[in-house]
Protein backbone atom coordinates (compact mmCIF):
# COMPACT_ATOMS: atom_id res chain seq x y z
CA MET A 1 20.59 59.27 139.64
CA ASN A 2 22.31 56.13 138.60
CA ASN A 3 22.75 53.14 140.90
CA LEU A 4 26.41 53.89 141.65
CA THR A 5 25.59 57.40 142.87
CA LYS A 6 22.71 56.14 145.01
CA ALA A 7 24.94 53.48 146.56
CA SER A 8 27.68 56.03 147.28
CA VAL A 9 25.23 58.44 148.96
CA LEU A 10 23.73 55.61 151.03
CA MET A 11 27.18 54.44 152.13
CA VAL A 12 28.20 57.96 153.24
CA VAL A 13 24.99 58.41 155.23
CA MET A 14 25.33 55.01 156.91
CA VAL A 15 28.97 55.67 157.91
CA ALA A 16 28.04 59.04 159.36
CA PHE A 17 25.12 57.54 161.28
CA PHE A 18 26.99 54.62 162.79
CA THR A 19 30.10 56.65 163.60
CA GLY A 20 28.03 59.26 165.45
CA SER A 21 26.17 56.70 167.56
CA SER A 22 29.31 54.78 168.50
CA GLN A 23 30.98 58.06 169.52
CA ALA A 24 28.04 58.85 171.79
CA ALA A 25 28.27 55.41 173.38
CA GLU A 26 32.01 55.88 173.97
CA ASP A 27 31.37 59.30 175.53
CA ALA A 28 28.75 57.86 177.90
CA ALA A 29 31.13 55.08 178.90
CA LEU A 30 33.92 57.60 179.51
CA LEU A 31 31.66 59.67 181.77
CA LYS A 32 30.76 56.60 183.81
CA ASP A 33 34.39 55.50 184.02
CA MET A 34 35.56 58.92 185.22
CA THR A 35 32.74 59.02 187.79
CA SER A 36 33.85 55.62 189.11
CA VAL A 37 37.55 56.53 189.22
CA ILE A 38 36.93 59.75 191.15
CA ALA A 39 34.60 57.96 193.60
CA LEU A 40 37.09 55.14 194.17
CA LEU A 41 39.77 57.70 194.95
CA GLY A 42 37.45 59.10 197.65
CA LEU A 43 36.99 62.54 196.11
CA PRO A 44 33.72 64.49 196.14
CA CYS A 45 32.03 64.59 192.75
CA GLY A 46 28.66 62.90 192.51
CA GLN A 47 28.58 62.45 188.73
CA VAL A 48 30.91 63.54 185.93
CA VAL A 49 29.00 65.59 183.36
CA SER A 50 31.79 66.36 180.89
CA VAL A 51 35.28 65.16 180.01
CA VAL A 52 37.90 66.94 177.92
CA LYS A 53 40.73 64.73 176.66
CA LYS A 54 44.06 66.46 177.15
CA GLY A 55 46.15 63.55 175.90
CA ASP A 56 46.63 59.81 176.18
CA ASN A 57 45.36 58.78 179.62
CA ASP A 58 45.00 62.43 180.60
CA ASN A 59 41.50 63.91 181.03
CA LEU A 60 39.86 66.92 182.62
CA ALA A 61 36.60 65.83 184.27
CA THR A 62 33.89 68.28 185.37
CA CYS A 63 31.49 67.06 188.05
CA LYS A 64 27.82 67.86 188.56
CA ASP A 65 28.68 69.57 191.87
CA GLY A 66 31.15 71.94 190.14
CA ASN A 67 34.41 70.20 191.11
CA ARG A 68 36.95 69.66 188.31
CA TYR A 69 39.66 67.02 188.33
CA ARG A 70 42.56 66.19 186.10
CA VAL A 71 42.52 62.38 185.89
CA TYR A 72 45.74 60.88 184.53
CA LEU A 73 48.31 58.12 184.86
CA ASN A 74 51.42 59.15 186.79
CA ALA A 75 54.97 57.93 186.05
CA ASP A 76 54.38 54.81 188.20
CA GLY A 77 51.29 53.88 186.14
CA ARG A 78 48.86 54.75 188.92
CA VAL A 79 45.62 56.65 188.32
CA VAL A 80 45.66 60.09 189.93
CA ALA A 81 42.86 62.66 190.20
CA GLN A 82 44.16 66.14 190.90
CA LYS A 83 41.69 68.90 191.85
CA GLN A 84 41.80 71.84 189.45
């Protein structure tokens, strides 16, 4: 392989590696944020184990205890968690 090909392969591998790790960090932060939001609203949850993004500022959070909440911003700009 010539140097240009080696450099291109290395660049693709590095981009894939760093993109994957930053996505994992964002996912972990989102799980913690959703756990905090649900707890601050006084709803039973324990810990959020998965989040599905439904849209901008609209998520479906699944808790460790089995509860599921739609967490979104209402028309007034307030965070709401609605049991599903």
